[in-house]
Amino acid sequence: MKTATLRMLVISACLLGIQTMMPWAAFARIWFVDNNPGNNPDFTSVQAAHNAASPGDSLYVAGSSQSYAIATITKQLFIFGPGYFLGENPDTQAEPLSAIILGLTFNAGSDGSLVTGCFMQGTITVNTSDITIKRNRFIVNNVHINIASNLANVVIIQNFMDDAINATGINVSSNSQNILIANNYIQRHAVAQVIISDATASLIVKNNVLNNTLTIHNSTFYDNILRGGAFNGTNNDIRNNIGNSTQFGTGNGNQENVDMNTVFVGTGSTDGRWQLAQGSPAIGAGVTGGHIGMYGGTDPYVLSGIPSIPAIYFFDASVQGSATSGLPVQMKVKSRN
């Protein structure tokens, strides 16, 4: 049997799993996007799939060695990739390639959209409210996520952002409210800031691992680990954070001058190394007695950004079948929350 046909068997099983776990998917349509040669997808680009889709549809973007071009979203869509660091962590996906997307812009009409499990090599620009950016990896030559003015209810959760380019991680513009930034790893370099918000915006920043300076205002900031850099801003509620220096002081459950070598396991996969070490000062030190950092709280970071759909992490099929015995297939599937 051809490799492309085997890939389609895997995809079909995944899509059936989506319909089983998410009843709404049985009524909306699922579109398969794949730019790998030799397959027979619905579309080879995210933009073409978007243009054909109806509001509420899902786009399943296949992993590939080739990137997918920038797309502009003007409908409510649910965009799923397979995750990232797939060769580093166990039981991720049978196919270890990520879905590399060169940028997404969410414009009016896309309210309620989700992008998850993708490898972003371009900026996500948010120009409308009620957008969820979940479990994606970012390596971007500019701002990772840019949130426009006068928006609300943008959720940035369980993402991994790390590169050596001197650009802001997350930028929140004027008068945007209720922006949730939770359970992410965000590292910037040199003069760049991990998070910066306008003085009129307000955020909820919790359970992140951050490395470099941030500037926020009118915000709630708790259960975070700042590995290095300064904390700037005004009118913030700052509680139960850990700093490598004196960024937060020792009041309100904060800890200062913490040796980061005692906080994390420091070994393993690129994202697994930020799990808490045995005896870590972050264990049980959160606002409600939970753990501080990206693996704590109510929505802990998920290794490899595996999206909340069934993942086939083992697939083996014979190259030959028969009318009597059929095609022997072994498959292992794991569901994630």
Protein backbone atom coordinates (compact mmCIF):
# COMPACT_ATOMS: atom_id res chain seq x y z
CA MET A 1 0.00 0.00 0.00
CA LYS A 2 1.31 3.49 -0.84
CA THR A 3 2.57 5.74 1.94
CA ALA A 4 0.07 8.43 0.96
CA THR A 5 -2.80 5.96 1.38
CA LEU A 6 -1.54 4.98 4.83
CA ARG A 7 -1.37 8.66 5.78
CA MET A 8 -4.99 9.09 4.72
CA LEU A 9 -6.02 6.15 6.92
CA VAL A 10 -4.38 7.90 9.88
CA ILE A 11 -6.07 11.19 9.01
CA SER A 12 -9.48 9.55 8.62
CA ALA A 13 -9.17 7.93 12.04
CA CYS A 14 -8.19 11.28 13.60
CA LEU A 15 -11.12 13.08 12.03
CA LEU A 16 -13.52 10.37 13.19
CA GLY A 17 -12.12 10.88 16.68
CA ILE A 18 -12.76 14.62 16.46
CA GLN A 19 -16.40 13.97 15.61
CA THR A 20 -16.71 11.50 18.49
CA MET A 21 -15.18 13.82 21.12
CA MET A 22 -16.69 17.05 19.79
CA PRO A 23 -20.35 16.51 18.78
CA TRP A 24 -20.52 19.91 17.09
CA ALA A 25 -17.93 18.64 14.59
CA ALA A 26 -20.43 16.10 13.27
CA PHE A 27 -22.65 18.98 12.09
CA ALA A 28 -19.95 21.42 11.00
CA ARG A 29 -17.53 20.31 8.31
CA ILE A 30 -13.92 19.23 8.78
CA TRP A 31 -11.54 20.23 5.99
CA PHE A 32 -8.18 18.56 5.50
CA VAL A 33 -5.26 20.86 4.56
CA ASP A 34 -2.06 19.17 3.40
CA ASN A 35 0.73 20.49 1.16
CA ASN A 36 2.67 17.22 1.13
CA PRO A 37 3.01 15.87 -2.42
CA GLY A 38 1.18 12.68 -3.31
CA ASN A 39 -1.77 13.09 -0.96
CA ASN A 40 -5.33 13.94 -1.87
CA PRO A 41 -6.41 16.68 0.59
CA ASP A 42 -9.30 19.08 0.38
CA PHE A 43 -6.85 21.97 0.08
CA THR A 44 -3.12 22.63 0.08
CA SER A 45 -3.30 26.08 1.71
CA VAL A 46 -4.95 27.42 4.85
CA GLN A 47 -6.33 30.42 2.97
CA ALA A 48 -8.05 28.29 0.33
CA ALA A 49 -9.59 26.11 3.04
CA HIS A 50 -10.78 29.22 4.88
CA ASN A 51 -12.36 30.64 1.73
CA ALA A 52 -14.38 27.45 1.16
CA ALA A 53 -15.31 26.83 4.81
CA SER A 54 -18.46 27.91 6.59
CA PRO A 55 -18.46 29.51 10.05
CA GLY A 56 -17.99 26.82 12.70
CA ASP A 57 -15.98 24.50 10.43
CA SER A 58 -12.63 22.97 11.41
CA LEU A 59 -9.38 22.94 9.46
CA TYR A 60 -7.05 20.03 10.18
CA VAL A 61 -3.60 21.15 8.99
CA ALA A 62 -1.18 18.29 8.36
CA GLY A 63 2.44 18.31 9.44
CA SER A 64 4.84 19.01 6.60
CA SER A 65 8.44 19.91 5.81
CA GLN A 66 7.00 22.80 3.76
CA SER A 67 5.41 25.85 5.33
CA TYR A 68 1.86 27.09 4.81
CA ALA A 69 1.45 30.68 3.64
CA ILE A 70 -0.01 33.54 5.70
CA ALA A 71 -3.81 33.42 5.99
CA THR A 72 -6.45 36.00 6.93
CA ILE A 73 -9.39 34.66 8.92
CA THR A 74 -12.80 36.36 8.68
CA LYS A 75 -15.01 33.46 9.84
CA GLN A 76 -15.27 31.52 13.07
CA LEU A 77 -12.96 28.55 12.42
CA PHE A 78 -11.19 25.94 14.52
CA ILE A 79 -7.67 25.38 13.20
CA PHE A 80 -5.86 22.25 14.42
CA GLY A 81 -2.23 21.30 13.84
CA PRO A 82 -0.52 18.14 15.14
CA GLY A 83 1.73 19.87 17.71
CA TYR A 84 5.50 20.46 17.90
CA PHE A 85 8.64 18.93 19.42
CA LEU A 86 6.98 15.72 18.26
CA GLY A 87 10.24 13.78 18.11
CA GLU A 88 11.30 14.87 21.60
CA ASN A 89 8.38 13.74 23.74
CA PRO A 90 6.84 10.24 23.98
CA ASP A 91 3.42 9.24 22.63
CA THR A 92 2.86 12.37 20.56
CA GLN A 93 2.02 11.65 16.91
CA ALA A 94 2.80 8.78 14.54
CA GLU A 95 3.89 11.40 11.99
CA PRO A 96 6.47 13.70 13.67
CA LEU A 97 6.20 16.73 11.35
CA SER A 98 4.67 20.00 12.56
CA ALA A 99 2.28 22.25 10.66
CA ILE A 100 4.37 25.36 9.97
CA ILE A 101 2.27 28.47 9.30
CA LEU A 102 3.87 31.78 8.27
CA GLY A 103 1.27 33.96 9.98
CA LEU A 104 -2.41 34.38 10.77
CA THR A 105 -4.58 37.50 10.99
CA PHE A 106 -7.94 37.28 12.76
CA ASN A 107 -10.23 40.02 11.45
CA ALA A 108 -13.86 40.96 12.09
CA GLY A 109 -16.12 37.95 11.68
CA SER A 110 -13.62 35.49 13.14
CA ASP A 111 -14.83 35.97 16.72
CA GLY A 112 -14.85 32.66 18.58
CA SER A 113 -12.01 31.16 16.50
CA LEU A 114 -9.30 28.86 17.81
CA VAL A 115 -5.81 28.02 16.56
CA THR A 116 -4.03 25.17 18.30
CA GLY A 117 -1.19 22.71 17.75
CA CYS A 118 0.56 24.76 15.07
CA PHE A 119 4.17 25.88 14.61
CA MET A 120 3.96 29.61 13.93
CA GLN A 121 6.84 31.15 12.01
CA GLY A 122 5.04 34.44 11.61
CA THR A 123 2.99 36.83 13.72
CA ILE A 124 -0.55 36.14 14.86
CA THR A 125 -2.40 39.46 14.58
CA VAL A 126 -5.67 39.73 16.49
CA ASN A 127 -8.06 42.44 15.26
CA THR A 128 -11.25 41.12 16.86
CA SER A 129 -12.42 39.87 20.25
CA ASP A 130 -12.96 36.32 21.51
CA ILE A 131 -9.95 34.59 19.93
CA THR A 132 -8.13 31.63 21.51
CA ILE A 133 -4.47 30.94 20.76
CA LYS A 134 -3.67 27.64 22.42
CA ARG A 135 -0.77 25.14 22.41
CA ASN A 136 1.26 26.64 19.57
CA ARG A 137 4.98 27.06 19.13
CA PHE A 138 6.34 30.42 17.97
CA ILE A 139 9.59 31.31 16.24
CA VAL A 140 8.97 34.73 14.73
CA ASN A 141 11.13 37.55 13.33
CA ASN A 142 8.68 40.11 14.66
CA VAL A 143 6.09 40.33 17.44
CA HIS A 144 4.78 36.86 18.26
CA ILE A 145 1.22 37.94 19.05
CA ASN A 146 -0.09 41.45 18.38
CA ILE A 147 -3.45 42.37 19.93
CA ALA A 148 -5.14 45.47 18.51
CA SER A 149 -6.96 48.18 20.47
CA ASN A 150 -10.41 47.99 22.04
CA LEU A 151 -10.65 44.19 22.14
CA ALA A 152 -11.75 41.79 24.87
CA ASN A 153 -11.58 38.11 25.83
CA VAL A 154 -8.44 37.07 23.97
CA VAL A 155 -6.97 33.88 25.44
CA ILE A 156 -3.26 33.03 25.00
CA ILE A 157 -2.69 29.74 26.76
CA GLN A 158 -0.21 26.83 26.84
CA ASN A 159 2.04 28.18 24.07
CA PHE A 160 5.82 27.90 23.71
CA MET A 161 7.57 31.09 22.52
CA ASP A 162 11.33 31.17 22.22
CA ASP A 163 13.81 32.58 19.72
CA ALA A 164 16.84 34.84 19.49
CA ILE A 165 15.19 37.71 17.61
CA ASN A 166 14.93 41.05 19.41
CA ALA A 167 11.16 41.51 19.15
CA THR A 168 8.31 41.58 21.66
CA GLY A 169 6.62 38.34 22.62
CA ILE A 170 3.07 39.62 23.21
CA ASN A 171 1.95 43.19 22.53
CA VAL A 172 -1.43 44.42 23.83
CA SER A 173 -2.70 47.74 22.48
CA SER A 174 -4.84 50.46 24.08
CA ASN A 175 -8.11 49.77 25.89
CA SER A 176 -8.04 46.00 25.35
CA GLN A 177 -9.49 44.24 28.39
CA ASN A 178 -9.63 40.76 29.92
CA ILE A 179 -6.63 39.46 27.99
CA LEU A 180 -5.65 36.11 29.53
CA ILE A 181 -2.00 35.02 29.25
CA ALA A 182 -1.60 31.71 31.07
CA ASN A 183 0.62 28.62 31.23
CA ASN A 184 2.99 29.76 28.50
CA TYR A 185 6.75 29.64 28.14
CA ILE A 186 7.91 33.03 26.80
CA GLN A 187 11.57 33.91 26.35
CA ARG A 188 12.94 36.99 24.63
CA HIS A 189 16.49 38.20 24.20
CA ALA A 190 18.51 41.42 24.60
CA VAL A 191 16.28 44.53 24.68
CA ALA A 192 13.06 42.76 23.66
CA GLN A 193 10.22 42.33 26.17
CA VAL A 194 8.24 39.16 26.81
CA ILE A 195 4.97 41.06 27.33
CA ILE A 196 4.18 44.73 26.87
CA SER A 197 0.80 46.41 27.24
CA ASP A 198 -0.54 49.91 26.78
CA ALA A 199 -1.24 51.85 29.97
CA THR A 200 -5.00 51.64 29.27
CA ALA A 201 -5.11 47.85 28.74
CA SER A 202 -5.66 45.21 31.42
CA LEU A 203 -4.42 41.61 31.54
CA ILE A 204 -4.58 38.46 33.62
CA VAL A 205 -1.09 36.93 33.58
CA LYS A 206 -0.72 33.68 35.49
CA ASN A 207 1.27 30.45 35.61
CA ASN A 208 3.84 31.43 33.01
CA VAL A 209 7.59 30.87 32.80
CA LEU A 210 9.09 34.13 31.55
CA ASN A 211 12.61 35.21 30.71
CA ASN A 212 13.27 38.90 30.13
CA THR A 213 11.64 42.20 30.97
CA LEU A 214 7.90 42.83 30.83
CA THR A 215 5.82 45.98 31.20
CA ILE A 216 2.11 45.72 32.07
CA HIS A 217 -0.53 47.89 33.76
CA ASN A 218 -3.89 47.50 35.54
CA SER A 219 -3.33 43.76 35.61
CA THR A 220 -3.41 40.68 37.82
CA PHE A 221 -0.03 38.93 37.87
CA TYR A 222 0.30 35.74 39.89
CA ASP A 223 1.90 32.27 40.02
CA ASN A 224 4.53 33.21 37.43
CA ILE A 225 8.26 32.46 37.33
CA LEU A 226 10.53 35.23 36.04
CA ARG A 227 13.89 33.66 35.23
CA GLY A 228 15.51 36.99 34.43
CA GLY A 229 14.69 40.58 33.49
CA ALA A 230 12.75 43.39 35.12
CA PHE A 231 9.08 43.76 36.00
CA ASN A 232 7.67 47.19 35.12
CA GLY A 233 4.26 48.81 35.18
CA THR A 234 1.62 50.51 37.29
CA ASN A 235 -1.52 49.57 39.19
CA ASN A 236 -0.86 45.82 39.16
CA ASP A 237 -1.90 43.15 41.70
CA ILE A 238 1.27 41.03 42.10
CA ARG A 239 1.05 37.82 44.14
CA ASN A 240 2.85 34.49 44.62
CA ASN A 241 5.48 34.90 41.92
CA ILE A 242 9.09 33.75 41.86
CA GLY A 243 11.94 35.94 40.63
CA ASN A 244 15.63 35.29 40.14
CA SER A 245 16.29 38.71 41.67
CA THR A 246 14.27 41.27 43.64
CA GLN A 247 11.60 41.91 40.98
CA PHE A 248 8.65 41.12 43.29
CA GLY A 249 10.03 41.38 46.81
CA THR A 250 8.79 38.98 49.48
CA GLY A 251 5.32 40.37 50.27
CA ASN A 252 2.04 38.84 49.07
CA GLY A 253 3.53 35.36 48.77
CA ASN A 254 6.24 36.41 46.32
CA GLN A 255 9.76 34.93 46.45
CA GLU A 256 12.95 36.77 45.50
CA ASN A 257 16.57 35.85 44.67
CA VAL A 258 15.58 32.26 43.88
CA ASP A 259 18.23 30.03 42.31
CA MET A 260 16.57 28.84 39.10
CA ASN A 261 18.61 25.64 39.22
CA THR A 262 16.44 24.60 42.17
CA VAL A 263 13.16 25.37 40.39
CA PHE A 264 13.20 23.25 37.21
CA VAL A 265 14.27 19.71 36.32
CA GLY A 266 16.55 21.25 33.66
CA THR A 267 16.78 18.10 31.52
CA GLY A 268 14.70 16.32 28.91
CA SER A 269 12.83 17.76 25.95
CA THR A 270 12.84 21.44 25.00
CA ASP A 271 9.56 22.04 26.80
CA GLY A 272 9.80 19.22 29.35
CA ARG A 273 12.86 20.73 31.02
CA TRP A 274 10.66 23.45 32.53
CA GLN A 275 8.77 20.99 34.70
CA LEU A 276 9.30 21.51 38.42
CA ALA A 277 12.16 19.73 40.15
CA GLN A 278 11.64 17.63 43.25
CA GLY A 279 11.63 20.03 46.19
CA SER A 280 11.16 23.06 43.91
CA PRO A 281 10.19 26.27 45.75
CA ALA A 282 7.37 26.58 43.18
CA ILE A 283 5.59 23.44 44.40
CA GLY A 284 2.42 24.29 46.32
CA ALA A 285 3.40 27.96 46.51
CA GLY A 286 0.64 29.41 44.32
CA VAL A 287 -2.23 31.69 45.29
CA THR A 288 -4.59 28.78 45.97
CA GLY A 289 -1.90 26.33 47.08
CA GLY A 290 -1.21 24.98 43.60
CA HIS A 291 2.08 24.96 41.73
CA ILE A 292 3.69 28.08 40.30
CA GLY A 293 4.79 28.07 36.64
CA MET A 294 3.54 26.75 33.31
CA TYR A 295 2.77 23.25 34.61
CA GLY A 296 0.62 24.55 37.47
CA GLY A 297 -2.87 25.99 37.77
CA THR A 298 -6.12 24.70 36.32
CA ASP A 299 -4.81 24.39 32.74
CA PRO A 300 -1.23 23.05 32.92
CA TYR A 301 1.00 23.25 29.87
CA VAL A 302 0.75 20.16 27.64
CA LEU A 303 3.97 18.65 26.26
CA SER A 304 4.43 19.21 22.51
CA GLY A 305 1.25 21.30 22.32
CA ILE A 306 -0.83 18.27 21.38
CA PRO A 307 -4.32 19.66 20.67
CA SER A 308 -7.47 18.55 22.46
CA ILE A 309 -8.37 15.89 19.91
CA PRO A 310 -7.39 12.21 19.65
CA ALA A 311 -3.74 11.73 18.66
CA ILE A 312 -2.53 8.59 16.90
CA TYR A 313 0.94 8.11 18.34
CA PHE A 314 1.61 4.65 16.88
CA PHE A 315 0.55 3.35 13.47
CA ASP A 316 1.70 0.22 11.69
CA ALA A 317 0.11 -1.37 8.64
CA SER A 318 1.17 -4.13 6.33
CA VAL A 319 2.11 -3.13 2.80
CA GLN A 320 -0.19 -5.87 1.51
CA GLY A 321 -3.70 -7.05 2.25
CA SER A 322 -6.10 -9.63 0.88
CA ALA A 323 -9.81 -10.09 0.29
CA THR A 324 -9.95 -12.75 3.02
CA SER A 325 -7.70 -11.30 5.71
CA GLY A 326 -8.08 -7.60 4.93
CA LEU A 327 -5.32 -5.15 5.82
CA PRO A 328 -3.69 -5.78 9.23
CA VAL A 329 -3.36 -2.47 11.09
CA GLN A 330 -2.05 -1.67 14.58
CA MET A 331 -2.85 1.74 15.97
CA LYS A 332 -2.51 3.39 19.38
CA VAL A 333 -4.61 6.45 20.12
CA LYS A 334 -4.51 8.81 23.09
CA SER A 335 -6.99 11.58 23.86
CA ARG A 336 -5.93 14.84 25.46
CA ASN A 337 -7.94 17.45 27.33
